[in-house]
Amino acid sequence: MVEGKITNQLRTLRFLAGEMTQAELGERIGVTRQTIAAIEQGKYSPSLEAAFRIARVLGKSLEEVFQWTE
């Protein structure tokens, strides 16, 4: 099995998107603020659907928001 880690630029991109709060982003994609916080901290990996929604709300590609390293 290949081990990998998903990292993200979520906090930076939220700030650049008019200082959007975790709660605002969560509301726009249909998850809680706590879920956004956990994703930002790398404690939780979003579903593929949630990842695409986050990228779309931030106006970025999936790869600009999330990175995967082996």
C-alpha atoms as a PDB file:
ATOM      1  CA  MET A   1       0.000   0.000   0.000  1.00  0.00           C
ATOM      2  CA  VAL A   2       1.279   3.462  -0.895  1.00  0.00           C
ATOM      3  CA  GLU A   3       1.295   5.897   1.999  1.00  0.00           C
ATOM      4  CA  GLY A   4       0.670   9.526   1.212  1.00  0.00           C
ATOM      5  CA  LYS A   5      -0.357  12.766   2.781  1.00  0.00           C
ATOM      6  CA  ILE A   6      -2.803  15.404   1.635  1.00  0.00           C
ATOM      7  CA  THR A   7      -1.841  18.977   2.431  1.00  0.00           C
ATOM      8  CA  ASN A   8      -3.709  22.144   1.549  1.00  0.00           C
ATOM      9  CA  GLN A   9      -3.489  25.889   1.114  1.00  0.00           C
ATOM     10  CA  LEU A  10      -6.981  26.441   2.464  1.00  0.00           C
ATOM     11  CA  ARG A  11      -6.209  28.983   5.170  1.00  0.00           C
ATOM     12  CA  THR A  12      -4.131  31.160   2.817  1.00  0.00           C
ATOM     13  CA  LEU A  13      -6.689  30.950   0.022  1.00  0.00           C
ATOM     14  CA  ARG A  14      -9.557  31.835   2.376  1.00  0.00           C
ATOM     15  CA  PHE A  15      -7.628  34.905   3.488  1.00  0.00           C
ATOM     16  CA  LEU A  16      -6.957  35.906  -0.126  1.00  0.00           C
ATOM     17  CA  ALA A  17     -10.661  35.422  -0.932  1.00  0.00           C
ATOM     18  CA  GLY A  18     -11.712  38.480   1.061  1.00  0.00           C
ATOM     19  CA  GLU A  19     -10.763  36.970   4.428  1.00  0.00           C
ATOM     20  CA  MET A  20     -13.546  34.385   4.145  1.00  0.00           C
ATOM     21  CA  THR A  21     -14.191  32.695   7.496  1.00  0.00           C
ATOM     22  CA  GLN A  22     -14.268  28.954   8.063  1.00  0.00           C
ATOM     23  CA  ALA A  23     -17.988  29.278   8.796  1.00  0.00           C
ATOM     24  CA  GLU A  24     -18.648  31.122   5.513  1.00  0.00           C
ATOM     25  CA  LEU A  25     -16.768  28.530   3.479  1.00  0.00           C
ATOM     26  CA  GLY A  26     -18.501  25.697   5.300  1.00  0.00           C
ATOM     27  CA  GLU A  27     -21.915  27.229   4.677  1.00  0.00           C
ATOM     28  CA  ARG A  28     -21.170  27.666   0.963  1.00  0.00           C
ATOM     29  CA  ILE A  29     -20.157  24.027   0.484  1.00  0.00           C
ATOM     30  CA  GLY A  30     -22.577  22.424   2.947  1.00  0.00           C
ATOM     31  CA  VAL A  31     -20.311  21.402   5.847  1.00  0.00           C
ATOM     32  CA  THR A  32     -19.715  22.753   9.355  1.00  0.00           C
ATOM     33  CA  ARG A  33     -17.064  25.236  10.413  1.00  0.00           C
ATOM     34  CA  GLN A  34     -15.502  22.434  12.464  1.00  0.00           C
ATOM     35  CA  THR A  35     -15.121  20.326   9.314  1.00  0.00           C
ATOM     36  CA  ILE A  36     -13.348  23.181   7.522  1.00  0.00           C
ATOM     37  CA  ALA A  37     -11.055  23.643  10.548  1.00  0.00           C
ATOM     38  CA  ALA A  38     -10.195  19.923  10.581  1.00  0.00           C
ATOM     39  CA  ILE A  39      -9.459  19.943   6.827  1.00  0.00           C
ATOM     40  CA  GLU A  40      -7.190  23.000   7.217  1.00  0.00           C
ATOM     41  CA  GLN A  41      -5.280  21.337  10.045  1.00  0.00           C
ATOM     42  CA  GLY A  42      -4.783  18.136   8.062  1.00  0.00           C
ATOM     43  CA  LYS A  43      -6.804  16.120  10.583  1.00  0.00           C
ATOM     44  CA  TYR A  44      -9.460  15.231   8.022  1.00  0.00           C
ATOM     45  CA  SER A  45      -9.375  14.695   4.262  1.00  0.00           C
ATOM     46  CA  PRO A  46     -12.457  16.003   2.473  1.00  0.00           C
ATOM     47  CA  SER A  47     -14.530  13.855   0.156  1.00  0.00           C
ATOM     48  CA  LEU A  48     -13.743  14.359  -3.501  1.00  0.00           C
ATOM     49  CA  GLU A  49     -17.045  16.204  -3.904  1.00  0.00           C
ATOM     50  CA  ALA A  50     -16.268  18.546  -0.989  1.00  0.00           C
ATOM     51  CA  ALA A  51     -12.760  19.168  -2.329  1.00  0.00           C
ATOM     52  CA  PHE A  52     -14.150  20.197  -5.724  1.00  0.00           C
ATOM     53  CA  ARG A  53     -16.741  22.438  -4.059  1.00  0.00           C
ATOM     54  CA  ILE A  54     -14.059  24.137  -1.953  1.00  0.00           C
ATOM     55  CA  ALA A  55     -11.889  24.748  -5.031  1.00  0.00           C
ATOM     56  CA  ARG A  56     -14.847  26.122  -6.987  1.00  0.00           C
ATOM     57  CA  VAL A  57     -15.892  28.520  -4.193  1.00  0.00           C
ATOM     58  CA  LEU A  58     -12.307  29.787  -3.946  1.00  0.00           C
ATOM     59  CA  GLY A  59     -12.005  30.110  -7.739  1.00  0.00           C
ATOM     60  CA  LYS A  60      -9.006  27.770  -7.845  1.00  0.00           C
ATOM     61  CA  SER A  61      -8.148  24.422  -9.386  1.00  0.00           C
ATOM     62  CA  LEU A  62      -8.173  21.360  -7.151  1.00  0.00           C
ATOM     63  CA  GLU A  63      -4.361  21.228  -7.369  1.00  0.00           C
ATOM     64  CA  GLU A  64      -4.036  24.830  -6.213  1.00  0.00           C
ATOM     65  CA  VAL A  65      -5.974  24.025  -3.040  1.00  0.00           C
ATOM     66  CA  PHE A  66      -4.893  20.449  -2.257  1.00  0.00           C
ATOM     67  CA  GLN A  67      -1.597  18.645  -2.727  1.00  0.00           C
ATOM     68  CA  TRP A  68      -0.792  14.972  -2.323  1.00  0.00           C
ATOM     69  CA  THR A  69       2.716  13.771  -1.554  1.00  0.00           C
ATOM     70  CA  GLU A  70       4.031  10.243  -1.216  1.00  0.00           C
END
